[in-house]
N, C-alpha and C. Protein backbone atom coordinates (compact mmCIF):
# COMPACT_ATOMS: atom_id res chain seq x y z
N UNK A 1 -56.42 44.00 -19.53
CA UNK A 1 -55.85 45.25 -19.09
C UNK A 1 -54.99 45.03 -17.86
N UNK A 2 -55.37 44.11 -16.96
CA UNK A 2 -54.57 43.87 -15.78
C UNK A 2 -53.22 43.27 -16.13
N UNK A 3 -53.14 42.49 -17.20
CA UNK A 3 -51.85 41.92 -17.62
C UNK A 3 -50.90 43.02 -18.05
N UNK A 4 -51.42 44.06 -18.71
CA UNK A 4 -50.56 45.17 -19.14
C UNK A 4 -50.05 45.94 -17.94
N UNK A 5 -50.89 46.13 -16.92
CA UNK A 5 -50.44 46.84 -15.73
C UNK A 5 -49.37 46.05 -14.99
N UNK A 6 -49.56 44.73 -14.89
CA UNK A 6 -48.58 43.92 -14.20
C UNK A 6 -47.25 43.92 -14.92
N UNK A 7 -47.27 43.94 -16.23
CA UNK A 7 -46.03 43.94 -17.00
C UNK A 7 -45.29 45.25 -16.86
N UNK A 8 -45.98 46.31 -16.55
CA UNK A 8 -45.33 47.61 -16.41
C UNK A 8 -44.84 47.88 -15.00
N UNK A 9 -44.95 46.92 -14.10
CA UNK A 9 -44.35 47.09 -12.79
C UNK A 9 -45.27 47.59 -11.71
N UNK A 10 -46.55 47.50 -11.90
CA UNK A 10 -47.45 47.89 -10.83
C UNK A 10 -47.46 46.82 -9.77
N UNK A 11 -48.04 47.09 -8.58
CA UNK A 11 -48.11 46.05 -7.55
C UNK A 11 -48.69 44.77 -8.13
N UNK A 12 -48.06 43.68 -7.82
CA UNK A 12 -48.48 42.40 -8.34
C UNK A 12 -47.68 42.00 -9.56
N UNK A 13 -46.96 42.92 -10.16
CA UNK A 13 -46.13 42.63 -11.32
C UNK A 13 -44.83 42.00 -10.89
N UNK A 14 -44.05 41.56 -11.83
CA UNK A 14 -42.82 40.86 -11.53
C UNK A 14 -41.63 41.76 -11.31
N UNK A 15 -41.77 43.06 -11.39
CA UNK A 15 -40.61 43.96 -11.29
C UNK A 15 -40.37 44.37 -9.84
N UNK A 16 -39.13 44.37 -9.42
CA UNK A 16 -38.77 44.82 -8.07
C UNK A 16 -38.61 46.32 -8.07
N UNK A 17 -38.90 46.99 -6.97
CA UNK A 17 -38.76 48.45 -6.92
C UNK A 17 -37.30 48.87 -6.77
N UNK A 18 -36.47 48.54 -7.77
CA UNK A 18 -35.04 48.84 -7.67
C UNK A 18 -34.74 50.29 -7.96
N UNK A 19 -35.49 50.94 -8.81
CA UNK A 19 -35.24 52.33 -9.12
C UNK A 19 -36.45 53.15 -8.75
N UNK A 20 -36.34 54.45 -8.89
CA UNK A 20 -37.50 55.30 -8.62
C UNK A 20 -37.32 56.17 -7.41
N UNK A 21 -38.41 56.52 -6.80
CA UNK A 21 -38.39 57.44 -5.67
C UNK A 21 -37.90 56.77 -4.41
N UNK A 22 -37.24 57.56 -3.59
CA UNK A 22 -36.74 57.08 -2.30
C UNK A 22 -37.87 57.07 -1.28
N UNK A 23 -37.87 56.10 -0.42
CA UNK A 23 -38.90 55.99 0.60
C UNK A 23 -38.76 57.14 1.61
N UNK A 24 -39.88 57.63 2.07
CA UNK A 24 -39.86 58.67 3.10
C UNK A 24 -39.97 58.07 4.50
N UNK A 25 -40.03 56.75 4.58
CA UNK A 25 -40.15 56.07 5.86
C UNK A 25 -38.79 55.69 6.44
N UNK A 26 -37.78 56.47 6.11
CA UNK A 26 -36.44 56.22 6.64
C UNK A 26 -36.37 56.69 8.08
N UNK A 27 -35.41 56.22 8.85
CA UNK A 27 -35.26 56.73 10.22
C UNK A 27 -35.09 58.24 10.21
N UNK A 28 -35.57 58.87 11.26
CA UNK A 28 -35.57 60.33 11.33
C UNK A 28 -34.29 60.91 11.89
N UNK A 29 -33.27 60.10 12.12
CA UNK A 29 -32.02 60.59 12.68
C UNK A 29 -30.90 60.32 11.69
N UNK A 30 -30.13 61.33 11.40
CA UNK A 30 -29.04 61.22 10.44
C UNK A 30 -27.84 61.99 10.99
N UNK A 31 -26.72 61.81 10.34
CA UNK A 31 -25.57 62.68 10.57
C UNK A 31 -25.73 63.85 9.61
N UNK A 32 -25.94 65.03 10.14
CA UNK A 32 -26.22 66.21 9.32
C UNK A 32 -25.16 67.27 9.57
N UNK A 33 -24.71 67.91 8.51
CA UNK A 33 -23.80 69.04 8.63
C UNK A 33 -24.67 70.29 8.82
N UNK A 34 -24.63 70.85 10.02
CA UNK A 34 -25.48 72.00 10.36
C UNK A 34 -25.14 73.20 9.48
N UNK A 35 -23.85 73.41 9.22
CA UNK A 35 -23.44 74.54 8.38
C UNK A 35 -23.99 74.39 6.97
N UNK A 36 -23.96 73.18 6.42
CA UNK A 36 -24.49 72.96 5.07
C UNK A 36 -26.00 73.16 5.05
N UNK A 37 -26.69 72.74 6.09
CA UNK A 37 -28.14 72.96 6.17
C UNK A 37 -28.46 74.46 6.17
N UNK A 38 -27.64 75.25 6.85
CA UNK A 38 -27.84 76.71 6.85
C UNK A 38 -27.65 77.27 5.43
N UNK A 39 -26.60 76.81 4.74
CA UNK A 39 -26.36 77.26 3.36
C UNK A 39 -27.52 76.86 2.44
N UNK A 40 -28.00 75.62 2.58
CA UNK A 40 -29.08 75.13 1.73
C UNK A 40 -30.36 75.93 1.96
N UNK A 41 -30.69 76.21 3.21
CA UNK A 41 -31.89 76.98 3.52
C UNK A 41 -31.78 78.39 2.97
N UNK A 42 -30.63 79.01 3.13
CA UNK A 42 -30.43 80.37 2.62
C UNK A 42 -30.53 80.37 1.09
N UNK A 43 -29.97 79.35 0.45
CA UNK A 43 -30.07 79.26 -1.01
C UNK A 43 -31.51 79.14 -1.48
N UNK A 44 -32.30 78.34 -0.78
CA UNK A 44 -33.71 78.18 -1.14
C UNK A 44 -34.48 79.48 -0.94
N UNK A 45 -34.25 80.15 0.18
CA UNK A 45 -34.94 81.42 0.43
C UNK A 45 -34.53 82.48 -0.59
N UNK A 46 -33.27 82.49 -0.98
CA UNK A 46 -32.81 83.43 -2.00
C UNK A 46 -33.42 83.13 -3.36
N UNK A 47 -33.47 81.84 -3.72
CA UNK A 47 -34.01 81.44 -5.02
C UNK A 47 -35.49 81.75 -5.13
N UNK A 48 -36.20 81.69 -4.04
CA UNK A 48 -37.64 81.97 -4.05
C UNK A 48 -37.95 83.44 -3.78
N UNK A 49 -36.90 84.25 -3.68
CA UNK A 49 -37.04 85.69 -3.42
C UNK A 49 -37.84 85.98 -2.16
N UNK A 50 -37.59 85.17 -1.15
CA UNK A 50 -38.33 85.27 0.11
C UNK A 50 -37.72 86.27 1.09
N UNK A 51 -36.50 86.74 0.79
CA UNK A 51 -35.79 87.59 1.75
C UNK A 51 -36.14 89.07 1.66
N UNK A 52 -36.86 89.49 0.64
CA UNK A 52 -37.35 90.87 0.52
C UNK A 52 -36.23 91.91 0.69
N UNK A 53 -35.07 91.67 0.09
CA UNK A 53 -33.98 92.63 0.15
C UNK A 53 -33.17 92.61 1.43
N UNK A 54 -33.45 91.69 2.32
CA UNK A 54 -32.69 91.56 3.56
C UNK A 54 -31.44 90.73 3.28
N UNK A 55 -30.31 91.22 3.75
CA UNK A 55 -29.06 90.49 3.59
C UNK A 55 -28.90 89.53 4.77
N UNK A 56 -28.43 88.31 4.48
CA UNK A 56 -28.18 87.33 5.52
C UNK A 56 -26.69 87.01 5.52
N UNK A 57 -26.03 87.27 6.64
CA UNK A 57 -24.60 86.99 6.78
C UNK A 57 -24.43 85.67 7.53
N UNK A 58 -23.82 84.70 6.86
CA UNK A 58 -23.55 83.41 7.49
C UNK A 58 -22.17 83.44 8.13
N UNK A 59 -22.09 83.06 9.39
CA UNK A 59 -20.81 82.92 10.09
C UNK A 59 -20.66 81.45 10.43
N UNK A 60 -19.90 80.75 9.58
CA UNK A 60 -19.78 79.30 9.69
C UNK A 60 -18.33 78.90 9.93
N UNK A 61 -18.11 77.87 10.74
CA UNK A 61 -16.74 77.38 10.93
C UNK A 61 -16.25 76.69 9.64
N UNK A 62 -14.94 76.57 9.51
CA UNK A 62 -14.37 75.93 8.32
C UNK A 62 -14.69 74.44 8.28
N UNK A 63 -14.63 73.77 9.43
CA UNK A 63 -14.89 72.34 9.49
C UNK A 63 -16.39 72.07 9.54
N UNK A 64 -16.81 70.89 9.06
CA UNK A 64 -18.23 70.55 9.18
C UNK A 64 -18.68 70.51 10.64
N UNK A 65 -19.92 70.89 10.87
CA UNK A 65 -20.51 70.86 12.20
C UNK A 65 -21.59 69.78 12.16
N UNK A 66 -21.25 68.61 12.67
CA UNK A 66 -22.14 67.46 12.55
C UNK A 66 -23.10 67.38 13.74
N UNK A 67 -24.33 66.96 13.44
CA UNK A 67 -25.37 66.75 14.46
C UNK A 67 -26.15 65.51 14.09
N UNK A 68 -26.70 64.85 15.09
CA UNK A 68 -27.54 63.66 14.86
C UNK A 68 -29.00 64.06 14.99
N UNK A 69 -29.50 64.68 13.94
CA UNK A 69 -30.88 65.13 13.91
C UNK A 69 -31.44 64.91 12.50
N UNK A 70 -32.71 65.14 12.35
CA UNK A 70 -33.35 65.02 11.04
C UNK A 70 -32.92 66.19 10.16
N UNK A 71 -32.41 65.87 9.00
CA UNK A 71 -32.00 66.92 8.05
C UNK A 71 -33.20 67.77 7.63
N UNK A 72 -34.32 67.13 7.36
CA UNK A 72 -35.52 67.88 6.93
C UNK A 72 -35.99 68.83 8.01
N UNK A 73 -36.03 68.37 9.25
CA UNK A 73 -36.48 69.24 10.34
C UNK A 73 -35.50 70.38 10.58
N UNK A 74 -34.21 70.09 10.52
CA UNK A 74 -33.21 71.14 10.74
C UNK A 74 -33.31 72.21 9.67
N UNK A 75 -33.43 71.81 8.41
CA UNK A 75 -33.55 72.80 7.34
C UNK A 75 -34.84 73.59 7.49
N UNK A 76 -35.91 72.94 7.93
CA UNK A 76 -37.16 73.65 8.14
C UNK A 76 -37.01 74.70 9.24
N UNK A 77 -36.27 74.37 10.29
CA UNK A 77 -36.01 75.34 11.37
C UNK A 77 -35.26 76.55 10.80
N UNK A 78 -34.21 76.29 10.01
CA UNK A 78 -33.47 77.41 9.39
C UNK A 78 -34.40 78.24 8.51
N UNK A 79 -35.22 77.59 7.70
CA UNK A 79 -36.14 78.32 6.82
C UNK A 79 -37.09 79.21 7.63
N UNK A 80 -37.67 78.66 8.69
CA UNK A 80 -38.60 79.41 9.51
C UNK A 80 -37.93 80.60 10.19
N UNK A 81 -36.75 80.37 10.77
CA UNK A 81 -36.09 81.44 11.52
C UNK A 81 -35.57 82.55 10.60
N UNK A 82 -35.00 82.19 9.47
CA UNK A 82 -34.48 83.21 8.56
C UNK A 82 -35.64 83.98 7.92
N UNK A 83 -36.72 83.29 7.54
CA UNK A 83 -37.89 83.98 6.99
C UNK A 83 -38.51 84.92 8.02
N UNK A 84 -38.58 84.47 9.27
CA UNK A 84 -39.11 85.34 10.33
C UNK A 84 -38.23 86.58 10.49
N UNK A 85 -36.91 86.37 10.48
CA UNK A 85 -35.99 87.49 10.61
C UNK A 85 -36.14 88.47 9.45
N UNK A 86 -36.31 87.95 8.23
CA UNK A 86 -36.49 88.83 7.07
C UNK A 86 -37.80 89.61 7.17
N UNK A 87 -38.84 88.96 7.67
CA UNK A 87 -40.14 89.64 7.78
C UNK A 87 -40.16 90.70 8.87
N UNK A 88 -39.38 90.52 9.92
CA UNK A 88 -39.41 91.47 11.04
C UNK A 88 -38.27 92.49 10.98
N UNK A 89 -37.42 92.40 9.96
CA UNK A 89 -36.29 93.33 9.86
C UNK A 89 -36.79 94.77 9.73
N UNK A 90 -36.11 95.65 10.41
CA UNK A 90 -36.47 97.06 10.36
C UNK A 90 -35.74 97.71 9.18
N UNK A 91 -36.25 98.83 8.68
CA UNK A 91 -35.58 99.50 7.55
C UNK A 91 -34.15 99.94 7.89
N UNK A 92 -33.88 100.22 9.17
CA UNK A 92 -32.54 100.67 9.57
C UNK A 92 -31.56 99.50 9.68
N UNK A 93 -32.04 98.32 9.98
CA UNK A 93 -31.18 97.16 10.19
C UNK A 93 -31.64 96.04 9.27
N UNK A 94 -31.02 95.94 8.09
CA UNK A 94 -31.46 95.00 7.07
C UNK A 94 -30.51 93.80 6.91
N UNK A 95 -29.64 93.56 7.90
CA UNK A 95 -28.72 92.42 7.82
C UNK A 95 -28.98 91.48 8.99
N UNK A 96 -29.32 90.25 8.67
CA UNK A 96 -29.56 89.19 9.65
C UNK A 96 -28.30 88.35 9.72
N UNK A 97 -27.88 87.99 10.92
CA UNK A 97 -26.70 87.13 11.08
C UNK A 97 -27.14 85.74 11.50
N UNK A 98 -26.50 84.73 10.89
CA UNK A 98 -26.70 83.34 11.28
C UNK A 98 -25.32 82.81 11.66
N UNK A 99 -25.18 82.44 12.93
CA UNK A 99 -23.90 81.99 13.48
C UNK A 99 -24.02 80.53 13.87
N UNK A 100 -23.15 79.67 13.32
CA UNK A 100 -23.15 78.24 13.65
C UNK A 100 -21.89 77.93 14.45
N UNK A 101 -22.06 77.23 15.57
CA UNK A 101 -20.94 76.85 16.43
C UNK A 101 -20.89 75.34 16.57
N UNK A 102 -19.69 74.75 16.53
CA UNK A 102 -19.57 73.29 16.64
C UNK A 102 -19.80 72.80 18.06
N UNK A 103 -20.00 71.49 18.22
CA UNK A 103 -20.13 70.94 19.58
C UNK A 103 -18.78 71.00 20.28
N UNK A 104 -18.79 70.81 21.60
CA UNK A 104 -17.52 70.80 22.32
C UNK A 104 -16.75 69.50 21.98
N UNK A 105 -15.48 69.49 22.30
CA UNK A 105 -14.62 68.35 21.96
C UNK A 105 -14.96 67.08 22.72
N UNK A 106 -15.65 67.18 23.83
CA UNK A 106 -15.93 66.02 24.67
C UNK A 106 -17.32 65.42 24.42
N UNK A 107 -18.12 66.06 23.61
CA UNK A 107 -19.44 65.53 23.30
C UNK A 107 -20.50 65.84 24.35
N UNK A 108 -20.18 66.72 25.29
CA UNK A 108 -21.15 67.07 26.34
C UNK A 108 -22.13 68.15 25.89
N UNK A 109 -21.71 69.02 25.00
CA UNK A 109 -22.54 70.12 24.51
C UNK A 109 -22.64 69.98 23.00
N UNK A 110 -23.87 69.94 22.52
CA UNK A 110 -24.09 69.77 21.08
C UNK A 110 -23.84 71.04 20.31
N UNK A 111 -23.93 70.95 18.99
CA UNK A 111 -23.77 72.15 18.17
C UNK A 111 -24.90 73.12 18.44
N UNK A 112 -24.65 74.38 18.17
CA UNK A 112 -25.69 75.39 18.35
C UNK A 112 -25.59 76.40 17.24
N UNK A 113 -26.68 77.06 17.01
CA UNK A 113 -26.66 78.18 16.06
C UNK A 113 -27.58 79.27 16.55
N UNK A 114 -27.31 80.45 16.06
CA UNK A 114 -28.06 81.63 16.49
C UNK A 114 -28.44 82.44 15.27
N UNK A 115 -29.68 82.92 15.26
CA UNK A 115 -30.15 83.84 14.24
C UNK A 115 -30.36 85.17 14.94
N UNK A 116 -29.58 86.17 14.54
CA UNK A 116 -29.63 87.49 15.17
C UNK A 116 -30.44 88.42 14.28
N UNK A 117 -31.51 88.96 14.88
CA UNK A 117 -32.40 89.87 14.17
C UNK A 117 -32.18 91.28 14.70
N UNK A 118 -31.38 92.08 13.99
CA UNK A 118 -31.09 93.42 14.49
C UNK A 118 -32.32 94.33 14.45
N UNK A 119 -32.43 95.15 15.47
CA UNK A 119 -33.52 96.11 15.54
C UNK A 119 -34.85 95.53 15.96
N UNK A 120 -34.91 94.23 16.21
CA UNK A 120 -36.16 93.59 16.60
C UNK A 120 -36.17 93.42 18.11
N UNK A 121 -37.25 93.84 18.75
CA UNK A 121 -37.37 93.69 20.20
C UNK A 121 -38.69 92.98 20.49
N UNK A 122 -38.60 91.85 21.15
CA UNK A 122 -39.80 91.13 21.57
C UNK A 122 -40.10 91.46 23.02
N UNK A 123 -41.37 91.62 23.32
CA UNK A 123 -41.75 91.87 24.70
C UNK A 123 -41.63 90.57 25.49
N UNK A 124 -41.66 90.69 26.80
CA UNK A 124 -41.60 89.51 27.66
C UNK A 124 -42.79 88.58 27.39
N UNK A 125 -43.93 89.15 27.14
CA UNK A 125 -45.13 88.36 26.83
C UNK A 125 -44.96 87.59 25.52
N UNK A 126 -44.39 88.25 24.50
CA UNK A 126 -44.17 87.58 23.22
C UNK A 126 -43.18 86.43 23.36
N UNK A 127 -42.13 86.64 24.14
CA UNK A 127 -41.14 85.58 24.35
C UNK A 127 -41.78 84.40 25.07
N UNK A 128 -42.54 84.67 26.11
CA UNK A 128 -43.22 83.59 26.83
C UNK A 128 -44.18 82.84 25.93
N UNK A 129 -44.89 83.54 25.07
CA UNK A 129 -45.83 82.89 24.16
C UNK A 129 -45.11 81.96 23.19
N UNK A 130 -43.99 82.42 22.65
CA UNK A 130 -43.22 81.60 21.71
C UNK A 130 -42.70 80.35 22.40
N UNK A 131 -42.17 80.52 23.60
CA UNK A 131 -41.52 79.40 24.29
C UNK A 131 -42.52 78.50 25.00
N UNK A 132 -43.56 79.06 25.60
CA UNK A 132 -44.44 78.26 26.44
C UNK A 132 -45.79 77.92 25.84
N UNK A 133 -46.40 78.86 25.14
CA UNK A 133 -47.76 78.61 24.65
C UNK A 133 -47.91 79.06 23.20
N UNK A 134 -47.48 78.22 22.26
CA UNK A 134 -47.52 78.63 20.86
C UNK A 134 -48.91 78.90 20.30
N UNK A 135 -49.95 78.40 20.95
CA UNK A 135 -51.30 78.66 20.46
C UNK A 135 -51.72 80.11 20.68
N UNK A 136 -51.04 80.80 21.58
CA UNK A 136 -51.38 82.19 21.87
C UNK A 136 -50.52 83.17 21.11
N UNK A 137 -49.65 82.68 20.24
CA UNK A 137 -48.74 83.54 19.49
C UNK A 137 -49.49 84.21 18.36
N UNK A 138 -49.22 85.49 18.18
CA UNK A 138 -49.82 86.21 17.06
C UNK A 138 -49.19 85.78 15.74
N UNK A 139 -49.75 86.25 14.65
CA UNK A 139 -49.27 85.84 13.33
C UNK A 139 -47.83 86.25 13.07
N UNK A 140 -47.38 87.34 13.68
CA UNK A 140 -46.02 87.81 13.45
C UNK A 140 -44.98 86.79 13.92
N UNK A 141 -45.22 86.16 15.03
CA UNK A 141 -44.22 85.26 15.61
C UNK A 141 -44.59 83.78 15.51
N UNK A 142 -45.54 83.46 14.67
CA UNK A 142 -45.96 82.07 14.53
C UNK A 142 -44.82 81.19 14.02
N UNK A 143 -43.96 81.73 13.15
CA UNK A 143 -42.82 80.95 12.64
C UNK A 143 -41.86 80.58 13.77
N UNK A 144 -41.67 81.50 14.72
CA UNK A 144 -40.81 81.19 15.87
C UNK A 144 -41.39 80.04 16.69
N UNK A 145 -42.69 80.07 16.91
CA UNK A 145 -43.34 79.01 17.68
C UNK A 145 -43.24 77.68 16.96
N UNK A 146 -43.40 77.69 15.66
CA UNK A 146 -43.28 76.44 14.87
C UNK A 146 -41.85 75.93 14.91
N UNK A 147 -40.88 76.83 14.81
CA UNK A 147 -39.47 76.41 14.90
C UNK A 147 -39.19 75.79 16.26
N UNK A 148 -39.77 76.36 17.32
CA UNK A 148 -39.57 75.79 18.65
C UNK A 148 -40.12 74.37 18.73
N UNK A 149 -41.29 74.15 18.15
CA UNK A 149 -41.87 72.81 18.15
C UNK A 149 -40.98 71.81 17.41
N UNK A 150 -40.41 72.22 16.28
CA UNK A 150 -39.51 71.33 15.53
C UNK A 150 -38.23 71.05 16.30
N UNK A 151 -37.69 72.08 16.95
CA UNK A 151 -36.47 71.90 17.74
C UNK A 151 -36.74 70.94 18.90
N UNK A 152 -37.88 71.11 19.56
CA UNK A 152 -38.27 70.19 20.64
C UNK A 152 -38.35 68.75 20.12
N UNK A 153 -38.93 68.57 18.95
CA UNK A 153 -39.08 67.24 18.37
C UNK A 153 -37.72 66.60 18.06
N UNK A 154 -36.71 67.43 17.81
CA UNK A 154 -35.36 66.92 17.54
C UNK A 154 -34.57 66.68 18.83
N UNK A 155 -35.13 67.06 19.98
CA UNK A 155 -34.43 66.90 21.24
C UNK A 155 -33.55 68.08 21.60
N UNK A 156 -33.74 69.21 20.92
CA UNK A 156 -32.94 70.41 21.20
C UNK A 156 -33.73 71.42 22.01
N UNK A 157 -33.15 72.60 22.15
CA UNK A 157 -33.80 73.68 22.90
C UNK A 157 -33.72 74.98 22.12
N UNK A 158 -34.78 75.75 22.14
CA UNK A 158 -34.82 77.08 21.53
C UNK A 158 -34.94 78.09 22.65
N UNK A 159 -34.13 79.13 22.59
CA UNK A 159 -34.25 80.22 23.55
C UNK A 159 -34.16 81.55 22.80
N UNK A 160 -34.75 82.56 23.38
CA UNK A 160 -34.75 83.89 22.80
C UNK A 160 -33.98 84.80 23.74
N UNK A 161 -32.98 85.51 23.18
CA UNK A 161 -32.15 86.40 23.99
C UNK A 161 -32.29 87.83 23.50
N UNK A 162 -32.36 88.73 24.44
CA UNK A 162 -32.33 90.16 24.10
C UNK A 162 -30.88 90.59 23.98
N UNK A 163 -30.54 91.18 22.87
CA UNK A 163 -29.19 91.65 22.61
C UNK A 163 -29.19 93.17 22.47
N UNK A 164 -28.02 93.77 22.54
CA UNK A 164 -27.95 95.21 22.34
C UNK A 164 -28.44 95.60 20.96
N UNK A 165 -28.12 94.77 19.98
CA UNK A 165 -28.46 95.08 18.60
C UNK A 165 -29.85 94.60 18.19
N UNK A 166 -30.54 93.86 19.05
CA UNK A 166 -31.85 93.34 18.67
C UNK A 166 -32.19 92.10 19.45
N UNK A 167 -32.57 91.04 18.74
CA UNK A 167 -32.99 89.79 19.36
C UNK A 167 -32.24 88.64 18.72
N UNK A 168 -31.83 87.69 19.55
CA UNK A 168 -31.17 86.49 19.05
C UNK A 168 -31.99 85.26 19.40
N UNK A 169 -32.19 84.40 18.42
CA UNK A 169 -32.86 83.13 18.66
C UNK A 169 -31.76 82.07 18.63
N UNK A 170 -31.58 81.38 19.76
CA UNK A 170 -30.50 80.40 19.90
C UNK A 170 -31.10 79.00 19.88
N UNK A 171 -30.51 78.14 19.05
CA UNK A 171 -30.92 76.75 18.98
C UNK A 171 -29.76 75.90 19.47
N UNK A 172 -30.01 75.15 20.53
CA UNK A 172 -29.02 74.20 21.07
C UNK A 172 -29.47 72.81 20.64
N UNK A 173 -28.67 72.15 19.81
CA UNK A 173 -29.01 70.81 19.34
C UNK A 173 -28.51 69.78 20.33
N UNK A 174 -29.03 68.56 20.27
CA UNK A 174 -28.62 67.54 21.24
C UNK A 174 -27.12 67.25 21.17
N UNK A 175 -26.53 66.94 22.33
CA UNK A 175 -25.11 66.60 22.38
C UNK A 175 -24.88 65.26 21.70
N UNK A 176 -23.79 65.15 20.93
CA UNK A 176 -23.55 63.90 20.20
C UNK A 176 -23.03 62.78 21.07
N UNK A 177 -22.54 63.09 22.27
CA UNK A 177 -21.93 62.06 23.12
C UNK A 177 -20.51 61.81 22.67
N UNK A 178 -19.83 60.93 23.35
CA UNK A 178 -18.44 60.63 23.00
C UNK A 178 -18.41 59.86 21.68
N UNK A 179 -17.69 60.40 20.72
CA UNK A 179 -17.61 59.75 19.42
C UNK A 179 -16.53 58.67 19.44
N UNK A 180 -15.35 59.00 19.93
CA UNK A 180 -14.27 58.02 19.99
C UNK A 180 -13.17 58.50 20.90
N UNK A 181 -12.61 57.58 21.63
CA UNK A 181 -11.45 57.87 22.49
C UNK A 181 -10.65 56.63 22.64
C-alpha cells in the first residue's frame, strides 16, 4: 500500500510539488491596488447578501492606488468596515461612502481610505474603546476594533472622525517612500 501512495505523489514519492495549491507561507508584504481591494470586498459582501439593502458608493481614483501591505489583511479591513457600516446604518441614511485617495507624489504620505457611515454617532467612550482598548468594546463595534488591530499589524493607522453627516473611519496606510527619481 505504501508503494501506491508514493507513486501518487505523497511525501516520499518521486513527484515534485509543481502543481496544486499555492503556499500560504509567502511574505506578508505585496504591491496591492487599494482601489481594487475595495471593489473585491464590496463584491464579496454583495454576493453574500451581507449589506442588508444598504447601498455602498465607491469613490475611487482612475489610476491604481498602490500600497505595500498584505492583500489579505487589507481586504479583511474593507470587509470589516463596510459590514460594520451596513449593520449600523440608520433607516434614514442607507448609503455608505468608501473614498480611496492615492499617496502623495513624494512618497511621504501613504494611501488612505475612508468609510463614511451617515447617521451614525459614536460617543467619546466608544471611540476610545475602539482605538485604545478593544477588549472593552461592545458587540456593536467589535468589527471596528478588529479592523484597527489589522491596520496596526500592517503599519497603518485607524482614526475615527465625527462628521456632520455621521462618522468617518479613516485608514492611513504606510508611506511607500521614494519610488524613483
